[in-house]
Each structure stands twice: as structure tokens, then as C-alpha cells.
N, C-alpha and C. Protein backbone atom coordinates (compact mmCIF):
# COMPACT_ATOMS: atom_id res chain seq x y z
N MET A 1 37.98 -66.79 -23.52
CA MET A 1 38.91 -65.69 -23.65
C MET A 1 40.27 -66.23 -24.08
N LYS A 2 40.76 -65.73 -25.20
CA LYS A 2 42.06 -66.18 -25.70
C LYS A 2 43.14 -65.27 -25.13
N MET A 3 44.14 -65.86 -24.50
CA MET A 3 45.23 -65.09 -23.91
C MET A 3 46.53 -65.46 -24.59
N SER A 4 47.40 -64.49 -24.75
CA SER A 4 48.74 -64.75 -25.27
C SER A 4 49.69 -63.76 -24.62
N SER A 5 50.94 -64.15 -24.52
CA SER A 5 51.92 -63.27 -23.89
C SER A 5 52.58 -62.39 -24.95
N LYS A 6 53.11 -61.28 -24.48
CA LYS A 6 53.90 -60.37 -25.31
C LYS A 6 55.22 -60.15 -24.59
N ASN A 7 56.19 -59.61 -25.31
CA ASN A 7 57.49 -59.33 -24.72
C ASN A 7 57.76 -57.84 -24.79
N ILE A 8 58.06 -57.24 -23.67
CA ILE A 8 58.24 -55.79 -23.57
C ILE A 8 59.45 -55.30 -24.38
N PHE A 9 60.38 -56.20 -24.72
CA PHE A 9 61.58 -55.84 -25.45
C PHE A 9 61.44 -56.05 -26.96
N GLU A 10 60.30 -56.52 -27.42
CA GLU A 10 60.10 -56.82 -28.84
C GLU A 10 59.18 -55.80 -29.50
N ASP A 11 59.12 -55.89 -30.83
CA ASP A 11 58.26 -55.02 -31.65
C ASP A 11 58.59 -53.54 -31.47
N ILE A 12 59.87 -53.24 -31.49
CA ILE A 12 60.33 -51.85 -31.42
C ILE A 12 60.77 -51.45 -32.83
N PRO A 13 60.22 -50.35 -33.35
CA PRO A 13 60.58 -49.93 -34.71
C PRO A 13 62.07 -49.66 -34.86
N VAL A 14 62.59 -49.93 -36.05
CA VAL A 14 64.00 -49.67 -36.33
C VAL A 14 64.25 -48.17 -36.37
N ASN A 15 63.38 -47.44 -37.04
CA ASN A 15 63.52 -45.98 -37.16
C ASN A 15 62.49 -45.31 -36.27
N MET A 16 62.97 -44.50 -35.35
CA MET A 16 62.07 -43.77 -34.44
C MET A 16 62.54 -42.32 -34.36
N THR A 17 61.73 -41.40 -34.86
CA THR A 17 62.05 -39.99 -34.69
C THR A 17 61.44 -39.46 -33.40
N GLU A 18 60.35 -40.08 -32.97
CA GLU A 18 59.66 -39.70 -31.73
C GLU A 18 59.77 -40.85 -30.73
N GLU A 19 59.63 -40.53 -29.47
CA GLU A 19 59.55 -41.56 -28.45
C GLU A 19 58.33 -42.44 -28.73
N LEU A 20 58.45 -43.73 -28.47
CA LEU A 20 57.34 -44.66 -28.65
C LEU A 20 56.63 -44.81 -27.30
N VAL A 21 55.34 -44.48 -27.27
CA VAL A 21 54.54 -44.62 -26.05
C VAL A 21 53.36 -45.51 -26.39
N GLU A 22 53.28 -46.66 -25.71
CA GLU A 22 52.20 -47.61 -25.95
C GLU A 22 51.46 -47.90 -24.65
N ILE A 23 50.15 -47.82 -24.70
CA ILE A 23 49.35 -48.19 -23.53
C ILE A 23 49.22 -49.71 -23.52
N ILE A 24 49.70 -50.31 -22.44
CA ILE A 24 49.62 -51.77 -22.28
C ILE A 24 48.27 -52.15 -21.69
N SER A 25 47.81 -51.37 -20.73
CA SER A 25 46.53 -51.63 -20.07
C SER A 25 46.03 -50.33 -19.47
N GLU A 26 44.69 -50.18 -19.43
CA GLU A 26 44.13 -48.96 -18.87
C GLU A 26 42.72 -49.22 -18.33
N THR A 27 42.46 -48.65 -17.16
CA THR A 27 41.12 -48.63 -16.58
C THR A 27 40.85 -47.18 -16.15
N ASP A 28 39.75 -46.95 -15.48
CA ASP A 28 39.46 -45.60 -14.98
C ASP A 28 40.47 -45.13 -13.94
N SER A 29 41.10 -46.06 -13.22
CA SER A 29 41.97 -45.66 -12.11
C SER A 29 43.46 -45.92 -12.35
N ILE A 30 43.83 -46.64 -13.41
CA ILE A 30 45.24 -46.96 -13.63
C ILE A 30 45.53 -47.04 -15.12
N LYS A 31 46.74 -46.61 -15.48
CA LYS A 31 47.20 -46.75 -16.86
C LYS A 31 48.63 -47.26 -16.82
N ILE A 32 48.94 -48.26 -17.64
CA ILE A 32 50.27 -48.84 -17.72
C ILE A 32 50.79 -48.62 -19.14
N GLU A 33 51.98 -48.02 -19.25
CA GLU A 33 52.56 -47.73 -20.55
C GLU A 33 53.96 -48.33 -20.68
N ARG A 34 54.27 -48.71 -21.93
CA ARG A 34 55.66 -49.00 -22.30
C ARG A 34 56.14 -47.77 -23.06
N ILE A 35 57.28 -47.24 -22.65
CA ILE A 35 57.87 -46.09 -23.32
C ILE A 35 59.26 -46.50 -23.79
N VAL A 36 59.53 -46.25 -25.08
CA VAL A 36 60.85 -46.55 -25.63
C VAL A 36 61.46 -45.23 -26.10
N SER A 37 62.62 -44.90 -25.56
CA SER A 37 63.34 -43.68 -25.90
C SER A 37 64.64 -44.07 -26.58
N ARG A 38 65.01 -43.30 -27.57
CA ARG A 38 66.28 -43.53 -28.27
C ARG A 38 66.96 -42.18 -28.44
N ALA A 39 67.75 -41.81 -27.45
CA ALA A 39 68.42 -40.50 -27.41
C ALA A 39 67.40 -39.37 -27.38
N HIS A 40 66.22 -39.62 -26.83
CA HIS A 40 65.19 -38.60 -26.72
C HIS A 40 65.31 -37.87 -25.38
N SER A 41 64.77 -36.66 -25.36
CA SER A 41 64.69 -35.88 -24.14
C SER A 41 63.47 -34.97 -24.23
N SER A 42 63.10 -34.38 -23.12
CA SER A 42 61.99 -33.43 -23.13
C SER A 42 62.41 -32.17 -23.89
N PRO A 43 61.48 -31.52 -24.57
CA PRO A 43 61.82 -30.26 -25.24
C PRO A 43 62.31 -29.22 -24.22
N PRO A 44 63.13 -28.26 -24.68
CA PRO A 44 63.61 -27.22 -23.77
C PRO A 44 62.44 -26.51 -23.08
N ASP A 45 62.60 -26.25 -21.81
CA ASP A 45 61.60 -25.54 -21.01
C ASP A 45 60.27 -26.28 -20.86
N PHE A 46 60.22 -27.57 -21.21
CA PHE A 46 59.00 -28.36 -21.03
C PHE A 46 59.10 -29.14 -19.72
N TRP A 47 57.99 -29.17 -18.97
CA TRP A 47 57.93 -29.93 -17.72
C TRP A 47 56.66 -30.77 -17.72
N TYR A 48 56.79 -32.05 -17.39
CA TYR A 48 55.59 -32.86 -17.14
C TYR A 48 54.97 -32.39 -15.83
N ASP A 49 53.66 -32.25 -15.82
CA ASP A 49 52.91 -31.89 -14.62
C ASP A 49 51.63 -32.73 -14.67
N GLN A 50 51.72 -33.93 -14.15
CA GLN A 50 50.69 -34.94 -14.35
C GLN A 50 49.62 -34.92 -13.26
N GLU A 51 48.42 -35.28 -13.66
CA GLU A 51 47.26 -35.32 -12.76
C GLU A 51 47.32 -36.51 -11.80
N LYS A 52 48.03 -37.57 -12.19
CA LYS A 52 48.09 -38.78 -11.37
C LYS A 52 49.50 -39.04 -10.88
N ASN A 53 49.63 -39.85 -9.83
CA ASN A 53 50.93 -40.34 -9.39
C ASN A 53 51.50 -41.22 -10.49
N GLU A 54 52.82 -41.28 -10.55
CA GLU A 54 53.49 -42.13 -11.53
C GLU A 54 54.55 -42.98 -10.83
N TYR A 55 54.52 -44.26 -11.12
CA TYR A 55 55.58 -45.18 -10.72
C TYR A 55 56.27 -45.55 -12.02
N VAL A 56 57.56 -45.33 -12.11
CA VAL A 56 58.29 -45.63 -13.34
C VAL A 56 59.52 -46.47 -13.00
N ILE A 57 59.72 -47.53 -13.79
CA ILE A 57 60.91 -48.37 -13.65
C ILE A 57 61.61 -48.42 -15.00
N LEU A 58 62.91 -48.25 -14.96
CA LEU A 58 63.71 -48.33 -16.16
C LEU A 58 64.15 -49.78 -16.34
N LEU A 59 63.79 -50.37 -17.47
CA LEU A 59 64.08 -51.78 -17.71
C LEU A 59 65.36 -52.00 -18.50
N LYS A 60 65.70 -51.04 -19.36
CA LYS A 60 66.89 -51.16 -20.23
C LYS A 60 67.36 -49.77 -20.59
N GLY A 61 68.68 -49.61 -20.74
CA GLY A 61 69.24 -48.32 -21.13
C GLY A 61 69.58 -47.46 -19.94
N LYS A 62 69.69 -46.15 -20.20
CA LYS A 62 70.01 -45.19 -19.15
C LYS A 62 69.26 -43.90 -19.44
N ALA A 63 69.01 -43.12 -18.37
CA ALA A 63 68.31 -41.86 -18.53
C ALA A 63 68.64 -40.93 -17.37
N GLY A 64 68.45 -39.65 -17.62
CA GLY A 64 68.59 -38.64 -16.58
C GLY A 64 67.29 -37.87 -16.44
N LEU A 65 66.76 -37.82 -15.22
CA LEU A 65 65.53 -37.10 -14.93
C LEU A 65 65.83 -35.88 -14.07
N ALA A 66 65.21 -34.76 -14.44
CA ALA A 66 65.36 -33.53 -13.66
C ALA A 66 64.00 -33.21 -13.04
N PHE A 67 64.05 -32.64 -11.85
CA PHE A 67 62.85 -32.23 -11.13
C PHE A 67 62.95 -30.75 -10.83
N GLU A 68 61.83 -30.06 -10.98
CA GLU A 68 61.80 -28.64 -10.68
C GLU A 68 62.22 -28.43 -9.22
N ASN A 69 62.95 -27.38 -8.97
CA ASN A 69 63.43 -27.03 -7.64
C ASN A 69 64.51 -27.96 -7.11
N ARG A 70 65.14 -28.74 -8.02
CA ARG A 70 66.31 -29.55 -7.65
C ARG A 70 67.41 -29.22 -8.64
N ASP A 71 68.62 -29.11 -8.16
CA ASP A 71 69.73 -28.78 -9.04
C ASP A 71 70.36 -30.00 -9.70
N ASP A 72 70.17 -31.17 -9.09
CA ASP A 72 70.81 -32.37 -9.63
C ASP A 72 69.89 -33.09 -10.61
N VAL A 73 70.50 -33.97 -11.39
CA VAL A 73 69.77 -34.85 -12.31
C VAL A 73 69.87 -36.26 -11.75
N ILE A 74 68.75 -36.94 -11.65
CA ILE A 74 68.74 -38.32 -11.16
C ILE A 74 69.04 -39.24 -12.34
N VAL A 75 70.16 -39.95 -12.26
CA VAL A 75 70.56 -40.88 -13.32
C VAL A 75 69.99 -42.25 -12.99
N MET A 76 69.30 -42.83 -13.98
CA MET A 76 68.66 -44.13 -13.79
C MET A 76 69.26 -45.15 -14.75
N GLY A 77 69.39 -46.38 -14.25
CA GLY A 77 69.85 -47.51 -15.06
C GLY A 77 68.87 -48.65 -14.92
N PRO A 78 69.14 -49.78 -15.57
CA PRO A 78 68.22 -50.91 -15.51
C PRO A 78 67.91 -51.32 -14.07
N GLY A 79 66.63 -51.43 -13.78
CA GLY A 79 66.17 -51.83 -12.46
C GLY A 79 65.85 -50.67 -11.53
N ASP A 80 66.31 -49.47 -11.88
CA ASP A 80 66.02 -48.31 -11.03
C ASP A 80 64.58 -47.87 -11.22
N TYR A 81 63.95 -47.44 -10.13
CA TYR A 81 62.57 -46.98 -10.22
C TYR A 81 62.37 -45.77 -9.33
N LEU A 82 61.32 -45.02 -9.66
CA LEU A 82 60.94 -43.82 -8.91
C LEU A 82 59.44 -43.77 -8.79
N GLU A 83 58.98 -43.19 -7.71
CA GLU A 83 57.58 -42.85 -7.57
C GLU A 83 57.49 -41.34 -7.60
N ILE A 84 56.75 -40.83 -8.58
CA ILE A 84 56.64 -39.38 -8.78
C ILE A 84 55.22 -38.97 -8.42
N PRO A 85 55.06 -38.23 -7.34
CA PRO A 85 53.71 -37.81 -6.94
C PRO A 85 53.07 -36.90 -8.01
N ALA A 86 51.76 -36.90 -8.05
CA ALA A 86 51.02 -36.03 -8.96
C ALA A 86 51.49 -34.59 -8.79
N HIS A 87 51.59 -33.88 -9.89
CA HIS A 87 51.94 -32.46 -9.95
C HIS A 87 53.37 -32.12 -9.52
N VAL A 88 54.23 -33.12 -9.40
CA VAL A 88 55.65 -32.84 -9.21
C VAL A 88 56.24 -32.68 -10.61
N ARG A 89 56.64 -31.47 -10.93
CA ARG A 89 57.11 -31.17 -12.28
C ARG A 89 58.48 -31.80 -12.51
N HIS A 90 58.58 -32.50 -13.65
CA HIS A 90 59.81 -33.20 -13.98
C HIS A 90 59.98 -33.25 -15.50
N ARG A 91 61.18 -33.63 -15.92
CA ARG A 91 61.48 -33.72 -17.35
C ARG A 91 62.57 -34.77 -17.58
N VAL A 92 62.64 -35.26 -18.80
CA VAL A 92 63.70 -36.18 -19.20
C VAL A 92 64.82 -35.34 -19.79
N GLU A 93 65.95 -35.30 -19.10
CA GLU A 93 67.09 -34.52 -19.58
C GLU A 93 67.79 -35.22 -20.74
N TRP A 94 67.93 -36.55 -20.64
CA TRP A 94 68.60 -37.30 -21.70
C TRP A 94 68.25 -38.78 -21.56
N THR A 95 68.37 -39.49 -22.66
CA THR A 95 68.33 -40.96 -22.65
C THR A 95 69.50 -41.45 -23.50
N ASP A 96 69.87 -42.66 -23.27
CA ASP A 96 71.06 -43.27 -23.87
C ASP A 96 71.03 -43.18 -25.40
N PRO A 97 72.06 -42.61 -26.02
CA PRO A 97 72.10 -42.55 -27.48
C PRO A 97 72.61 -43.84 -28.11
N GLU A 98 73.17 -44.74 -27.31
CA GLU A 98 73.77 -45.97 -27.84
C GLU A 98 72.82 -47.16 -27.87
N GLU A 99 71.78 -47.13 -27.04
CA GLU A 99 70.83 -48.24 -27.01
C GLU A 99 69.45 -47.71 -26.60
N ASP A 100 68.43 -48.49 -26.91
CA ASP A 100 67.08 -48.10 -26.52
C ASP A 100 66.97 -48.05 -25.00
N THR A 101 66.23 -47.06 -24.53
CA THR A 101 65.89 -46.97 -23.12
C THR A 101 64.42 -47.36 -23.02
N ILE A 102 64.14 -48.39 -22.25
CA ILE A 102 62.77 -48.92 -22.15
C ILE A 102 62.28 -48.72 -20.72
N TRP A 103 61.13 -48.04 -20.63
CA TRP A 103 60.50 -47.71 -19.35
C TRP A 103 59.18 -48.44 -19.24
N LEU A 104 58.80 -48.74 -18.02
CA LEU A 104 57.44 -49.17 -17.71
C LEU A 104 56.90 -48.12 -16.74
N ALA A 105 55.84 -47.44 -17.17
CA ALA A 105 55.25 -46.37 -16.37
C ALA A 105 53.83 -46.75 -15.96
N ILE A 106 53.54 -46.58 -14.69
CA ILE A 106 52.22 -46.88 -14.16
C ILE A 106 51.68 -45.59 -13.54
N TYR A 107 50.55 -45.13 -14.06
CA TYR A 107 49.90 -43.92 -13.57
C TYR A 107 48.66 -44.34 -12.77
N TYR A 108 48.55 -43.80 -11.56
CA TYR A 108 47.44 -44.20 -10.69
C TYR A 108 46.98 -43.04 -9.83
């Protein structure tokens, strides 16, 4: 088996109109994604309502997450993480327009 390392901060397209979502690893019970946002946000009136729990850590940049039935926006910076239980409706209000926001999301 040939193994090689990759860098989570590399191979990011220069031009991105959509958020970049890449599956790093996946099995029947877990999925790990790299998400790169560049001034992206969830569409108006859109809420994520996921079947699995999500652990997300912000590695670079800044973002604001909103949760249904909460009035505040949780602002995240590098190193901040959240555990979002399955079916807790949430959305990305904003991501940093000045630099890439890089997330590592683990669904389980």
C-alpha cells in the first residue's frame, strides 16, 4: 500500500463561485470533509437538517453560524469547534470575505 500525505491548506482553486466540499475519507458510519468557503453563506431561508451528528472545527478564516430558535450568531475563528447534534437546524450566515475559511467537518 502506497501512502502519501496531503496538506489541508493546499490545492485550493483560485476562482471559486461555489463552496468547495471535498470528502477526505468515508465509511458507512463516518464521513470527513474539507470545506473551503470564500465569502460564502447559506442561501436565504435555507437550513441544514442533517441525518448524522456533525463535529466541525474551523482551521482558518472566520464564520458566523446561526441555529434555529436562537437569536444570536455564533462567531467562529481558527481553532474553534462545535458539535452539532443530528437534526439541529443551522446555517452559515457569513464567512470571511478577505481570506479563505477552511473547515474540517466530521459526520458520524
